[in-house]
Amino acid sequence: KRLDKKAWAKATAALLIIGILILILCFILSFVGLCSPRISLLRVIGLLLFVAVVLQVCALIIYPVRYTSDVALNLENYLFSWSYGFGWGSTILMFGCGFFFCCLPNYEDELLGNVKTKYFYTSS
């Protein structure tokens, strides 16, 4: 029962590979965006991360549904390995990073040092 012959397995692998390529692109763009004064690039990085999250969520949903219906037919319950949990963990972290990169341009002046530092507590 080889998975490389099944169309759903190829589609799942393709979605994950496209997601990791987008993540690598975002990693490179984040250095460019955070090291240059062009803050507008950060929202683009956030949107690309959300696209990668959607692709990975689709792959992480397709895989267990099709695997249990095609391959693990005779098993009453099937436990997925640590890599499946690692995939969900990385997807959740990418979602958080996408949210972070979309919110960063709202604090452009603070990031560039154009405003006076605000202190929450003052000494009396």
PDB file of N, CA and C in Angstrom:
ATOM      1  N   LYS A   1       0.842  -1.187   0.000  1.00  0.00           N
ATOM      2  CA  LYS A   1       0.000   0.000   0.000  1.00  0.00           C
ATOM      3  C   LYS A   1       0.882   1.244   0.000  1.00  0.00           C
ATOM      4  N   ARG A   2       1.389   1.559  -1.135  1.00  0.00           N
ATOM      5  CA  ARG A   2       2.270   2.726  -1.236  1.00  0.00           C
ATOM      6  C   ARG A   2       1.440   3.989  -1.405  1.00  0.00           C
ATOM      7  N   LEU A   3       1.821   5.020  -0.673  1.00  0.00           N
ATOM      8  CA  LEU A   3       1.069   6.265  -0.725  1.00  0.00           C
ATOM      9  C   LEU A   3       1.453   7.133  -1.920  1.00  0.00           C
ATOM     10  N   ASP A   4       2.636   6.910  -2.504  1.00  0.00           N
ATOM     11  CA  ASP A   4       3.048   7.765  -3.612  1.00  0.00           C
ATOM     12  C   ASP A   4       2.267   7.486  -4.898  1.00  0.00           C
ATOM     13  N   LYS A   5       1.450   6.435  -4.897  1.00  0.00           N
ATOM     14  CA  LYS A   5       0.608   6.131  -6.059  1.00  0.00           C
ATOM     15  C   LYS A   5      -0.785   6.757  -5.951  1.00  0.00           C
ATOM     16  N   LYS A   6      -1.113   7.276  -4.802  1.00  0.00           N
ATOM     17  CA  LYS A   6      -2.466   7.821  -4.577  1.00  0.00           C
ATOM     18  C   LYS A   6      -2.464   9.332  -4.816  1.00  0.00           C
ATOM     19  N   ALA A   7      -3.514   9.791  -5.485  1.00  0.00           N
ATOM     20  CA  ALA A   7      -3.607  11.210  -5.852  1.00  0.00           C
ATOM     21  C   ALA A   7      -3.732  12.106  -4.614  1.00  0.00           C
ATOM     22  N   TRP A   8      -4.491  11.669  -3.615  1.00  0.00           N
ATOM     23  CA  TRP A   8      -4.663  12.502  -2.425  1.00  0.00           C
ATOM     24  C   TRP A   8      -3.351  12.665  -1.662  1.00  0.00           C
ATOM     25  N   ALA A   9      -2.511  11.649  -1.682  1.00  0.00           N
ATOM     26  CA  ALA A   9      -1.219  11.752  -1.001  1.00  0.00           C
ATOM     27  C   ALA A   9      -0.303  12.726  -1.732  1.00  0.00           C
ATOM     28  N   LYS A  10      -0.351  12.696  -3.063  1.00  0.00           N
ATOM     29  CA  LYS A  10       0.450  13.648  -3.843  1.00  0.00           C
ATOM     30  C   LYS A  10      -0.042  15.074  -3.628  1.00  0.00           C
ATOM     31  N   ALA A  11      -1.363  15.240  -3.568  1.00  0.00           N
ATOM     32  CA  ALA A  11      -1.930  16.576  -3.339  1.00  0.00           C
ATOM     33  C   ALA A  11      -1.565  17.093  -1.948  1.00  0.00           C
ATOM     34  N   THR A  12      -1.613  16.218  -0.955  1.00  0.00           N
ATOM     35  CA  THR A  12      -1.241  16.615   0.397  1.00  0.00           C
ATOM     36  C   THR A  12       0.226  17.019   0.463  1.00  0.00           C
ATOM     37  N   ALA A  13       1.080  16.234  -0.162  1.00  0.00           N
ATOM     38  CA  ALA A  13       2.510  16.564  -0.185  1.00  0.00           C
ATOM     39  C   ALA A  13       2.763  17.879  -0.921  1.00  0.00           C
ATOM     40  N   ALA A  14       2.043  18.093  -2.022  1.00  0.00           N
ATOM     41  CA  ALA A  14       2.216  19.333  -2.784  1.00  0.00           C
ATOM     42  C   ALA A  14       1.788  20.548  -1.957  1.00  0.00           C
ATOM     43  N   LEU A  15       0.670  20.439  -1.246  1.00  0.00           N
ATOM     44  CA  LEU A  15       0.213  21.550  -0.410  1.00  0.00           C
ATOM     45  C   LEU A  15       1.227  21.869   0.688  1.00  0.00           C
ATOM     46  N   LEU A  16       1.781  20.832   1.296  1.00  0.00           N
ATOM     47  CA  LEU A  16       2.771  21.061   2.346  1.00  0.00           C
ATOM     48  C   LEU A  16       4.060  21.652   1.796  1.00  0.00           C
ATOM     49  N   ILE A  17       4.479  21.197   0.616  1.00  0.00           N
ATOM     50  CA  ILE A  17       5.705  21.732   0.009  1.00  0.00           C
ATOM     51  C   ILE A  17       5.514  23.188  -0.401  1.00  0.00           C
ATOM     52  N   ILE A  18       4.364  23.517  -0.971  1.00  0.00           N
ATOM     53  CA  ILE A  18       4.082  24.915  -1.336  1.00  0.00           C
ATOM     54  C   ILE A  18       4.049  25.779  -0.076  1.00  0.00           C
ATOM     55  N   GLY A  19       3.449  25.257   1.003  1.00  0.00           N
ATOM     56  CA  GLY A  19       3.404  25.994   2.264  1.00  0.00           C
ATOM     57  C   GLY A  19       4.785  26.265   2.830  1.00  0.00           C
ATOM     58  N   ILE A  20       5.680  25.275   2.764  1.00  0.00           N
ATOM     59  CA  ILE A  20       7.031  25.489   3.297  1.00  0.00           C
ATOM     60  C   ILE A  20       7.823  26.439   2.413  1.00  0.00           C
ATOM     61  N   LEU A  21       7.592  26.421   1.108  1.00  0.00           N
ATOM     62  CA  LEU A  21       8.273  27.375   0.224  1.00  0.00           C
ATOM     63  C   LEU A  21       7.818  28.802   0.503  1.00  0.00           C
ATOM     64  N   ILE A  22       6.522  28.982   0.757  1.00  0.00           N
ATOM     65  CA  ILE A  22       6.025  30.311   1.124  1.00  0.00           C
ATOM     66  C   ILE A  22       6.620  30.738   2.465  1.00  0.00           C
ATOM     67  N   LEU A  23       6.751  29.798   3.396  1.00  0.00           N
ATOM     68  CA  LEU A  23       7.334  30.114   4.695  1.00  0.00           C
ATOM     69  C   LEU A  23       8.795  30.537   4.561  1.00  0.00           C
ATOM     70  N   ILE A  24       9.553  29.863   3.710  1.00  0.00           N
ATOM     71  CA  ILE A  24      10.957  30.247   3.485  1.00  0.00           C
ATOM     72  C   ILE A  24      11.030  31.631   2.850  1.00  0.00           C
ATOM     73  N   LEU A  25      10.148  31.915   1.891  1.00  0.00           N
ATOM     74  CA  LEU A  25      10.096  33.241   1.280  1.00  0.00           C
ATOM     75  C   LEU A  25       9.776  34.306   2.327  1.00  0.00           C
ATOM     76  N   CYS A  26       8.832  34.015   3.215  1.00  0.00           N
ATOM     77  CA  CYS A  26       8.483  34.971   4.273  1.00  0.00           C
ATOM     78  C   CYS A  26       9.643  35.183   5.233  1.00  0.00           C
ATOM     79  N   PHE A  27      10.400  34.136   5.504  1.00  0.00           N
ATOM     80  CA  PHE A  27      11.564  34.257   6.374  1.00  0.00           C
ATOM     81  C   PHE A  27      12.592  35.208   5.775  1.00  0.00           C
ATOM     82  N   ILE A  28      12.847  35.073   4.491  1.00  0.00           N
ATOM     83  CA  ILE A  28      13.798  35.956   3.809  1.00  0.00           C
ATOM     84  C   ILE A  28      13.258  37.375   3.740  1.00  0.00           C
ATOM     85  N   LEU A  29      11.970  37.516   3.394  1.00  0.00           N
ATOM     86  CA  LEU A  29      11.367  38.844   3.307  1.00  0.00           C
ATOM     87  C   LEU A  29      11.302  39.539   4.670  1.00  0.00           C
ATOM     88  N   SER A  30      11.207  38.764   5.751  1.00  0.00           N
ATOM     89  CA  SER A  30      11.138  39.387   7.071  1.00  0.00           C
ATOM     90  C   SER A  30      12.454  40.068   7.421  1.00  0.00           C
ATOM     91  N   PHE A  31      13.582  39.500   6.996  1.00  0.00           N
ATOM     92  CA  PHE A  31      14.858  40.188   7.215  1.00  0.00           C
ATOM     93  C   PHE A  31      14.906  41.487   6.429  1.00  0.00           C
ATOM     94  N   VAL A  32      14.432  41.438   5.194  1.00  0.00           N
ATOM     95  CA  VAL A  32      14.416  42.650   4.373  1.00  0.00           C
ATOM     96  C   VAL A  32      13.465  43.684   4.974  1.00  0.00           C
ATOM     97  N   GLY A  33      12.291  43.232   5.389  1.00  0.00           N
ATOM     98  CA  GLY A  33      11.289  44.145   5.909  1.00  0.00           C
ATOM     99  C   GLY A  33      11.651  44.752   7.253  1.00  0.00           C
ATOM    100  N   LEU A  34      12.291  43.969   8.111  1.00  0.00           N
ATOM    101  CA  LEU A  34      12.625  44.488   9.437  1.00  0.00           C
ATOM    102  C   LEU A  34      13.930  45.262   9.465  1.00  0.00           C
ATOM    103  N   CYS A  35      14.789  45.057   8.472  1.00  0.00           N
ATOM    104  CA  CYS A  35      16.067  45.774   8.427  1.00  0.00           C
ATOM    105  C   CYS A  35      16.006  47.025   7.564  1.00  0.00           C
ATOM    106  N   SER A  36      14.927  47.252   6.889  1.00  0.00           N
ATOM    107  CA  SER A  36      14.784  48.445   6.062  1.00  0.00           C
ATOM    108  C   SER A  36      13.630  49.292   6.591  1.00  0.00           C
ATOM    109  N   PRO A  37      13.592  50.554   6.226  1.00  0.00           N
ATOM    110  CA  PRO A  37      12.501  51.409   6.719  1.00  0.00           C
ATOM    111  C   PRO A  37      11.168  51.185   5.997  1.00  0.00           C
ATOM    112  N   ARG A  38      11.101  50.215   5.086  1.00  0.00           N
ATOM    113  CA  ARG A  38       9.847  49.942   4.377  1.00  0.00           C
ATOM    114  C   ARG A  38       8.966  49.022   5.219  1.00  0.00           C
ATOM    115  N   ILE A  39       8.110  49.612   6.009  1.00  0.00           N
ATOM    116  CA  ILE A  39       7.250  48.849   6.913  1.00  0.00           C
ATOM    117  C   ILE A  39       6.089  48.198   6.152  1.00  0.00           C
ATOM    118  N   SER A  40       5.745  48.714   4.987  1.00  0.00           N
ATOM    119  CA  SER A  40       4.598  48.179   4.243  1.00  0.00           C
ATOM    120  C   SER A  40       4.820  46.736   3.813  1.00  0.00           C
ATOM    121  N   LEU A  41       6.059  46.294   3.740  1.00  0.00           N
ATOM    122  CA  LEU A  41       6.355  44.912   3.361  1.00  0.00           C
ATOM    123  C   LEU A  41       5.891  43.923   4.429  1.00  0.00           C
ATOM    124  N   LEU A  42       5.743  44.374   5.660  1.00  0.00           N
ATOM    125  CA  LEU A  42       5.380  43.477   6.753  1.00  0.00           C
ATOM    126  C   LEU A  42       3.964  42.930   6.598  1.00  0.00           C
ATOM    127  N   ARG A  43       3.042  43.732   6.100  1.00  0.00           N
ATOM    128  CA  ARG A  43       1.674  43.235   5.876  1.00  0.00           C
ATOM    129  C   ARG A  43       1.643  42.193   4.757  1.00  0.00           C
ATOM    130  N   VAL A  44       2.484  42.368   3.756  1.00  0.00           N
ATOM    131  CA  VAL A  44       2.579  41.379   2.680  1.00  0.00           C
ATOM    132  C   VAL A  44       3.072  40.049   3.243  1.00  0.00           C
ATOM    133  N   ILE A  45       4.045  40.113   4.141  1.00  0.00           N
ATOM    134  CA  ILE A  45       4.551  38.902   4.777  1.00  0.00           C
ATOM    135  C   ILE A  45       3.440  38.237   5.585  1.00  0.00           C
ATOM    136  N   GLY A  46       2.671  39.025   6.321  1.00  0.00           N
ATOM    137  CA  GLY A  46       1.554  38.477   7.088  1.00  0.00           C
ATOM    138  C   GLY A  46       0.527  37.798   6.217  1.00  0.00           C
ATOM    139  N   LEU A  47       0.189  38.415   5.084  1.00  0.00           N
ATOM    140  CA  LEU A  47      -0.782  37.801   4.179  1.00  0.00           C
ATOM    141  C   LEU A  47      -0.243  36.518   3.556  1.00  0.00           C
ATOM    142  N   LEU A  48       1.033  36.504   3.215  1.00  0.00           N
ATOM    143  CA  LEU A  48       1.636  35.277   2.683  1.00  0.00           C
ATOM    144  C   LEU A  48       1.635  34.163   3.730  1.00  0.00           C
ATOM    145  N   LEU A  49       1.862  34.526   4.978  1.00  0.00           N
ATOM    146  CA  LEU A  49       1.807  33.517   6.037  1.00  0.00           C
ATOM    147  C   LEU A  49       0.404  32.958   6.204  1.00  0.00           C
ATOM    148  N   PHE A  50      -0.618  33.795   6.056  1.00  0.00           N
ATOM    149  CA  PHE A  50      -1.988  33.301   6.137  1.00  0.00           C
ATOM    150  C   PHE A  50      -2.315  32.369   4.969  1.00  0.00           C
ATOM    151  N   VAL A  51      -1.762  32.657   3.786  1.00  0.00           N
ATOM    152  CA  VAL A  51      -1.948  31.754   2.644  1.00  0.00           C
ATOM    153  C   VAL A  51      -1.301  30.401   2.944  1.00  0.00           C
ATOM    154  N   ALA A  52      -0.107  30.420   3.517  1.00  0.00           N
ATOM    155  CA  ALA A  52       0.567  29.175   3.869  1.00  0.00           C
ATOM    156  C   ALA A  52      -0.203  28.405   4.941  1.00  0.00           C
ATOM    157  N   VAL A  53      -0.820  29.122   5.869  1.00  0.00           N
ATOM    158  CA  VAL A  53      -1.629  28.475   6.904  1.00  0.00           C
ATOM    159  C   VAL A  53      -2.826  27.770   6.278  1.00  0.00           C
ATOM    160  N   VAL A  54      -3.488  28.422   5.341  1.00  0.00           N
ATOM    161  CA  VAL A  54      -4.647  27.803   4.684  1.00  0.00           C
ATOM    162  C   VAL A  54      -4.224  26.539   3.938  1.00  0.00           C
ATOM    163  N   LEU A  55      -3.098  26.597   3.232  1.00  0.00           N
ATOM    164  CA  LEU A  55      -2.615  25.424   2.504  1.00  0.00           C
ATOM    165  C   LEU A  55      -2.286  24.288   3.464  1.00  0.00           C
ATOM    166  N   GLN A  56      -1.640  24.586   4.563  1.00  0.00           N
ATOM    167  CA  GLN A  56      -1.270  23.530   5.496  1.00  0.00           C
ATOM    168  C   GLN A  56      -2.478  22.967   6.231  1.00  0.00           C
ATOM    169  N   VAL A  57      -3.441  23.800   6.563  1.00  0.00           N
ATOM    170  CA  VAL A  57      -4.651  23.291   7.211  1.00  0.00           C
ATOM    171  C   VAL A  57      -5.386  22.345   6.263  1.00  0.00           C
ATOM    172  N   CYS A  58      -5.470  22.709   4.990  1.00  0.00           N
ATOM    173  CA  CYS A  58      -6.108  21.816   4.018  1.00  0.00           C
ATOM    174  C   CYS A  58      -5.375  20.478   3.957  1.00  0.00           C
ATOM    175  N   ALA A  59      -4.046  20.517   3.911  1.00  0.00           N
ATOM    176  CA  ALA A  59      -3.271  19.280   3.849  1.00  0.00           C
ATOM    177  C   ALA A  59      -3.419  18.466   5.131  1.00  0.00           C
ATOM    178  N   LEU A  60      -3.440  19.136   6.272  1.00  0.00           N
ATOM    179  CA  LEU A  60      -3.541  18.424   7.547  1.00  0.00           C
ATOM    180  C   LEU A  60      -4.940  17.882   7.806  1.00  0.00           C
ATOM    181  N   ILE A  61      -5.918  18.345   7.071  1.00  0.00           N
ATOM    182  CA  ILE A  61      -7.263  17.774   7.168  1.00  0.00           C
ATOM    183  C   ILE A  61      -7.442  16.642   6.150  1.00  0.00           C
ATOM    184  N   ILE A  62      -6.929  16.830   4.940  1.00  0.00           N
ATOM    185  CA  ILE A  62      -7.056  15.803   3.901  1.00  0.00           C
ATOM    186  C   ILE A  62      -6.338  14.520   4.316  1.00  0.00           C
ATOM    187  N   TYR A  63      -5.138  14.641   4.856  1.00  0.00           N
ATOM    188  CA  TYR A  63      -4.324  13.460   5.153  1.00  0.00           C
ATOM    189  C   TYR A  63      -5.011  12.467   6.092  1.00  0.00           C
ATOM    190  N   PRO A  64      -5.467  12.847   7.296  1.00  0.00           N
ATOM    191  CA  PRO A  64      -6.047  11.825   8.176  1.00  0.00           C
ATOM    192  C   PRO A  64      -7.369  11.268   7.668  1.00  0.00           C
ATOM    193  N   VAL A  65      -8.152  12.117   7.001  1.00  0.00           N
ATOM    194  CA  VAL A  65      -9.441  11.647   6.493  1.00  0.00           C
ATOM    195  C   VAL A  65      -9.236  10.581   5.423  1.00  0.00           C
ATOM    196  N   ARG A  66      -8.394  10.868   4.463  1.00  0.00           N
ATOM    197  CA  ARG A  66      -8.169   9.913   3.373  1.00  0.00           C
ATOM    198  C   ARG A  66      -7.344   8.711   3.818  1.00  0.00           C
ATOM    199  N   TYR A  67      -6.391   8.923   4.720  1.00  0.00           N
ATOM    200  CA  TYR A  67      -5.548   7.820   5.169  1.00  0.00           C
ATOM    201  C   TYR A  67      -6.369   6.784   5.930  1.00  0.00           C
ATOM    202  N   THR A  68      -7.230   7.251   6.822  1.00  0.00           N
ATOM    203  CA  THR A  68      -8.034   6.306   7.598  1.00  0.00           C
ATOM    204  C   THR A  68      -9.101   5.628   6.746  1.00  0.00           C
ATOM    205  N   SER A  69      -9.547   6.287   5.695  1.00  0.00           N
ATOM    206  CA  SER A  69     -10.560   5.646   4.849  1.00  0.00           C
ATOM    207  C   SER A  69      -9.950   4.736   3.788  1.00  0.00           C
ATOM    208  N   ASP A  70      -8.710   4.979   3.364  1.00  0.00           N
ATOM    209  CA  ASP A  70      -8.091   4.164   2.313  1.00  0.00           C
ATOM    210  C   ASP A  70      -7.112   3.124   2.846  1.00  0.00           C
ATOM    211  N   VAL A  71      -6.259   3.511   3.761  1.00  0.00           N
ATOM    212  CA  VAL A  71      -5.152   2.651   4.173  1.00  0.00           C
ATOM    213  C   VAL A  71      -5.459   1.904   5.467  1.00  0.00           C
ATOM    214  N   ALA A  72      -5.929   2.609   6.465  1.00  0.00           N
ATOM    215  CA  ALA A  72      -6.155   2.008   7.781  1.00  0.00           C
ATOM    216  C   ALA A  72      -7.600   1.543   7.921  1.00  0.00           C
ATOM    217  N   LEU A  73      -8.065   0.718   6.995  1.00  0.00           N
ATOM    218  CA  LEU A  73      -9.459   0.273   7.003  1.00  0.00           C
ATOM    219  C   LEU A  73      -9.761  -0.693   8.142  1.00  0.00           C
ATOM    220  N   ASN A  74      -8.865  -1.605   8.411  1.00  0.00           N
ATOM    221  CA  ASN A  74      -9.135  -2.667   9.386  1.00  0.00           C
ATOM    222  C   ASN A  74      -8.786  -2.281  10.814  1.00  0.00           C
ATOM    223  N   LEU A  75      -8.206  -1.143  11.013  1.00  0.00           N
ATOM    224  CA  LEU A  75      -7.830  -0.725  12.359  1.00  0.00           C
ATOM    225  C   LEU A  75      -8.987  -0.001  13.026  1.00  0.00           C
ATOM    226  N   GLU A  76      -9.250  -0.366  14.270  1.00  0.00           N
ATOM    227  CA  GLU A  76     -10.356   0.277  14.981  1.00  0.00           C
ATOM    228  C   GLU A  76     -10.035   1.720  15.331  1.00  0.00           C
ATOM    229  N   ASN A  77      -8.828   1.954  15.817  1.00  0.00           N
ATOM    230  CA  ASN A  77      -8.375   3.327  16.029  1.00  0.00           C
ATOM    231  C   ASN A  77      -6.916   3.399  15.603  1.00  0.00           C
ATOM    232  N   TYR A  78      -6.575   4.478  15.013  1.00  0.00           N
ATOM    233  CA  TYR A  78      -5.237   4.660  14.472  1.00  0.00           C
ATOM    234  C   TYR A  78      -4.631   5.889  15.112  1.00  0.00           C
ATOM    235  N   LEU A  79      -3.399   5.772  15.583  1.00  0.00           N
ATOM    236  CA  LEU A  79      -2.695   6.893  16.191  1.00  0.00           C
ATOM    237  C   LEU A  79      -1.678   7.440  15.201  1.00  0.00           C
ATOM    238  N   PHE A  80      -1.725   8.733  14.963  1.00  0.00           N
ATOM    239  CA  PHE A  80      -0.773   9.372  14.065  1.00  0.00           C
ATOM    240  C   PHE A  80       0.522   9.638  14.816  1.00  0.00           C
ATOM    241  N   SER A  81       1.598   9.726  14.094  1.00  0.00           N
ATOM    242  CA  SER A  81       2.909   9.897  14.725  1.00  0.00           C
ATOM    243  C   SER A  81       3.100  11.354  15.165  1.00  0.00           C
ATOM    244  N   TRP A  82       4.254  11.612  15.746  1.00  0.00           N
ATOM    245  CA  TRP A  82       4.580  12.927  16.270  1.00  0.00           C
ATOM    246  C   TRP A  82       4.629  13.970  15.155  1.00  0.00           C
ATOM    247  N   SER A  83       4.925  13.548  13.927  1.00  0.00           N
ATOM    248  CA  SER A  83       5.071  14.517  12.837  1.00  0.00           C
ATOM    249  C   SER A  83       3.744  15.200  12.498  1.00  0.00           C
ATOM    250  N   TYR A  84       2.634  14.476  12.692  1.00  0.00           N
ATOM    251  CA  TYR A  84       1.326  15.086  12.448  1.00  0.00           C
ATOM    252  C   TYR A  84       1.058  16.197  13.470  1.00  0.00           C
ATOM    253  N   GLY A  85       1.385  15.948  14.710  1.00  0.00           N
ATOM    254  CA  GLY A  85       1.245  16.982  15.743  1.00  0.00           C
ATOM    255  C   GLY A  85       2.201  18.142  15.515  1.00  0.00           C
ATOM    256  N   PHE A  86       3.401  17.833  15.030  1.00  0.00           N
ATOM    257  CA  PHE A  86       4.371  18.874  14.698  1.00  0.00           C
ATOM    258  C   PHE A  86       3.832  19.758  13.574  1.00  0.00           C
ATOM    259  N   GLY A  87       3.142  19.158  12.613  1.00  0.00           N
ATOM    260  CA  GLY A  87       2.535  19.930  11.520  1.00  0.00           C
ATOM    261  C   GLY A  87       1.480  20.890  12.035  1.00  0.00           C
ATOM    262  N   TRP A  88       0.627  20.441  12.945  1.00  0.00           N
ATOM    263  CA  TRP A  88      -0.374  21.334  13.529  1.00  0.00           C
ATOM    264  C   TRP A  88       0.273  22.422  14.372  1.00  0.00           C
ATOM    265  N   GLY A  89       1.311  22.058  15.106  1.00  0.00           N
ATOM    266  CA  GLY A  89       2.002  23.064  15.914  1.00  0.00           C
ATOM    267  C   GLY A  89       2.635  24.149  15.069  1.00  0.00           C
ATOM    268  N   SER A  90       3.272  23.759  13.983  1.00  0.00           N
ATOM    269  CA  SER A  90       3.898  24.756  13.111  1.00  0.00           C
ATOM    270  C   SER A  90       2.842  25.610  12.413  1.00  0.00           C
ATOM    271  N   THR A  91       1.696  25.023  12.113  1.00  0.00           N
ATOM    272  CA  THR A  91       0.619  25.790  11.487  1.00  0.00           C
ATOM    273  C   THR A  91       0.067  26.844  12.447  1.00  0.00           C
ATOM    274  N   ILE A  92      -0.075  26.470  13.713  1.00  0.00           N
ATOM    275  CA  ILE A  92      -0.559  27.428  14.710  1.00  0.00           C
ATOM    276  C   ILE A  92       0.459  28.554  14.909  1.00  0.00           C
ATOM    277  N   LEU A  93       1.746  28.213  14.928  1.00  0.00           N
ATOM    278  CA  LEU A  93       2.780  29.246  15.049  1.00  0.00           C
ATOM    279  C   LEU A  93       2.803  30.167  13.834  1.00  0.00           C
ATOM    280  N   MET A  94       2.594  29.607  12.648  1.00  0.00           N
ATOM    281  CA  MET A  94       2.551  30.457  11.449  1.00  0.00           C
ATOM    282  C   MET A  94       1.363  31.405  11.485  1.00  0.00           C
ATOM    283  N   PHE A  95       0.233  30.928  12.010  1.00  0.00           N
ATOM    284  CA  PHE A  95      -0.929  31.805  12.144  1.00  0.00           C
ATOM    285  C   PHE A  95      -0.608  32.960  13.091  1.00  0.00           C
ATOM    286  N   GLY A  96       0.043  32.662  14.210  1.00  0.00           N
ATOM    287  CA  GLY A  96       0.423  33.714  15.155  1.00  0.00           C
ATOM    288  C   GLY A  96       1.412  34.696  14.549  1.00  0.00           C
ATOM    289  N   CYS A  97       2.367  34.185  13.779  1.00  0.00           N
ATOM    290  CA  CYS A  97       3.337  35.075  13.122  1.00  0.00           C
ATOM    291  C   CYS A  97       2.658  35.938  12.063  1.00  0.00           C
ATOM    292  N   GLY A  98       1.695  35.370  11.343  1.00  0.00           N
ATOM    293  CA  GLY A  98       0.953  36.160  10.358  1.00  0.00           C
ATOM    294  C   GLY A  98       0.191  37.297  11.015  1.00  0.00           C
ATOM    295  N   PHE A  99      -0.436  37.001  12.152  1.00  0.00           N
ATOM    296  CA  PHE A  99      -1.131  38.040  12.910  1.00  0.00           C
ATOM    297  C   PHE A  99      -0.151  39.101  13.395  1.00  0.00           C
ATOM    298  N   PHE A 100       0.997  38.665  13.884  1.00  0.00           N
ATOM    299  CA  PHE A 100       2.037  39.572  14.363  1.00  0.00           C
ATOM    300  C   PHE A 100       2.522  40.491  13.244  1.00  0.00           C
ATOM    301  N   PHE A 101       2.801  39.935  12.072  1.00  0.00           N
ATOM    302  CA  PHE A 101       3.305  40.747  10.965  1.00  0.00           C
ATOM    303  C   PHE A 101       2.226  41.683  10.414  1.00  0.00           C
ATOM    304  N   CYS A 102       0.960  41.310  10.516  1.00  0.00           N
ATOM    305  CA  CYS A 102      -0.099  42.220  10.067  1.00  0.00           C
ATOM    306  C   CYS A 102      -0.294  43.377  11.045  1.00  0.00           C
ATOM    307  N   CYS A 103       0.004  43.161  12.320  1.00  0.00           N
ATOM    308  CA  CYS A 103      -0.172  44.218  13.324  1.00  0.00           C
ATOM    309  C   CYS A 103       1.041  45.130  13.459  1.00  0.00           C
ATOM    310  N   LEU A 104       2.205  44.698  13.021  1.00  0.00           N
ATOM    311  CA  LEU A 104       3.417  45.504  13.188  1.00  0.00           C
ATOM    312  C   LEU A 104       3.348  46.884  12.533  1.00  0.00           C
ATOM    313  N   PRO A 105       2.792  47.042  11.327  1.00  0.00           N
ATOM    314  CA  PRO A 105       2.766  48.387  10.736  1.00  0.00           C
ATOM    315  C   PRO A 105       1.978  49.409  11.545  1.00  0.00           C
ATOM    316  N   ASN A 106       1.093  48.964  12.428  1.00  0.00           N
ATOM    317  CA  ASN A 106       0.365  49.903  13.282  1.00  0.00           C
ATOM    318  C   ASN A 106       1.285  50.595  14.272  1.00  0.00           C
ATOM    319  N   TYR A 107       2.442  50.019  14.525  1.00  0.00           N
ATOM    320  CA  TYR A 107       3.412  50.569  15.470  1.00  0.00           C
ATOM    321  C   TYR A 107       4.672  51.037  14.751  1.00  0.00           C
ATOM    322  N   GLU A 108       4.495  51.578  13.562  1.00  0.00           N
ATOM    323  CA  GLU A 108       5.621  51.999  12.728  1.00  0.00           C
ATOM    324  C   GLU A 108       6.478  53.057  13.405  1.00  0.00           C
ATOM    325  N   ASP A 109       5.852  54.047  14.004  1.00  0.00           N
ATOM    326  CA  ASP A 109       6.624  55.118  14.649  1.00  0.00           C
ATOM    327  C   ASP A 109       7.443  54.589  15.823  1.00  0.00           C
ATOM    328  N   GLU A 110       6.868  53.671  16.605  1.00  0.00           N
ATOM    329  CA  GLU A 110       7.602  53.104  17.731  1.00  0.00           C
ATOM    330  C   GLU A 110       8.776  52.251  17.242  1.00  0.00           C
ATOM    331  N   LEU A 111       8.573  51.518  16.146  1.00  0.00           N
ATOM    332  CA  LEU A 111       9.648  50.670  15.614  1.00  0.00           C
ATOM    333  C   LEU A 111      10.803  51.493  15.064  1.00  0.00           C
ATOM    334  N   LEU A 112      10.483  52.603  14.431  1.00  0.00           N
ATOM    335  CA  LEU A 112      11.515  53.436  13.822  1.00  0.00           C
ATOM    336  C   LEU A 112      12.114  54.446  14.787  1.00  0.00           C
ATOM    337  N   GLY A 113      11.558  54.539  15.996  1.00  0.00           N
ATOM    338  CA  GLY A 113      12.099  55.453  16.997  1.00  0.00           C
ATOM    339  C   GLY A 113      11.697  56.895  16.785  1.00  0.00           C
ATOM    340  N   ASN A 114      10.551  57.146  16.171  1.00  0.00           N
ATOM    341  CA  ASN A 114      10.114  58.510  15.890  1.00  0.00           C
ATOM    342  C   ASN A 114       9.305  59.142  17.025  1.00  0.00           C
ATOM    343  N   VAL A 115       8.942  58.384  18.039  1.00  0.00           N
ATOM    344  CA  VAL A 115       8.140  58.916  19.137  1.00  0.00           C
ATOM    345  C   VAL A 115       8.903  58.776  20.441  1.00  0.00           C
ATOM    346  N   LYS A 116       8.500  59.578  21.389  1.00  0.00           N
ATOM    347  CA  LYS A 116       9.123  59.540  22.704  1.00  0.00           C
ATOM    348  C   LYS A 116       8.666  58.266  23.431  1.00  0.00           C
ATOM    349  N   THR A 117       9.555  57.689  24.190  1.00  0.00           N
ATOM    350  CA  THR A 117       9.244  56.468  24.931  1.00  0.00           C
ATOM    351  C   THR A 117       8.189  56.757  25.982  1.00  0.00           C
ATOM    352  N   LYS A 118       7.185  55.882  26.051  1.00  0.00           N
ATOM    353  CA  LYS A 118       6.121  56.035  27.043  1.00  0.00           C
ATOM    354  C   LYS A 118       6.397  55.081  28.194  1.00  0.00           C
ATOM    355  N   TYR A 119       6.380  55.594  29.397  1.00  0.00           N
ATOM    356  CA  TYR A 119       6.592  54.768  30.583  1.00  0.00           C
ATOM    357  C   TYR A 119       5.256  54.581  31.273  1.00  0.00           C
ATOM    358  N   PHE A 120       4.997  53.369  31.720  1.00  0.00           N
ATOM    359  CA  PHE A 120       3.742  53.091  32.409  1.00  0.00           C
ATOM    360  C   PHE A 120       3.795  53.531  33.870  1.00  0.00           C
ATOM    361  N   TYR A 121       4.947  53.395  34.475  1.00  0.00           N
ATOM    362  CA  TYR A 121       5.095  53.747  35.879  1.00  0.00           C
ATOM    363  C   TYR A 121       6.069  54.908  36.007  1.00  0.00           C
ATOM    364  N   THR A 122       5.730  55.828  36.867  1.00  0.00           N
ATOM    365  CA  THR A 122       6.632  56.941  37.139  1.00  0.00           C
ATOM    366  C   THR A 122       7.033  56.880  38.612  1.00  0.00           C
ATOM    367  N   SER A 123       8.236  57.293  38.890  1.00  0.00           N
ATOM    368  CA  SER A 123       8.682  57.309  40.292  1.00  0.00           C
ATOM    369  C   SER A 123       8.116  58.550  40.968  1.00  0.00           C
ATOM    370  N   SER A 124       7.746  58.400  42.233  1.00  0.00           N
ATOM    371  CA  SER A 124       7.168  59.547  42.932  1.00  0.00           C
ATOM    372  C   SER A 124       8.149  60.217  43.832  1.00  0.00           C
TER     373      SER A 124
END
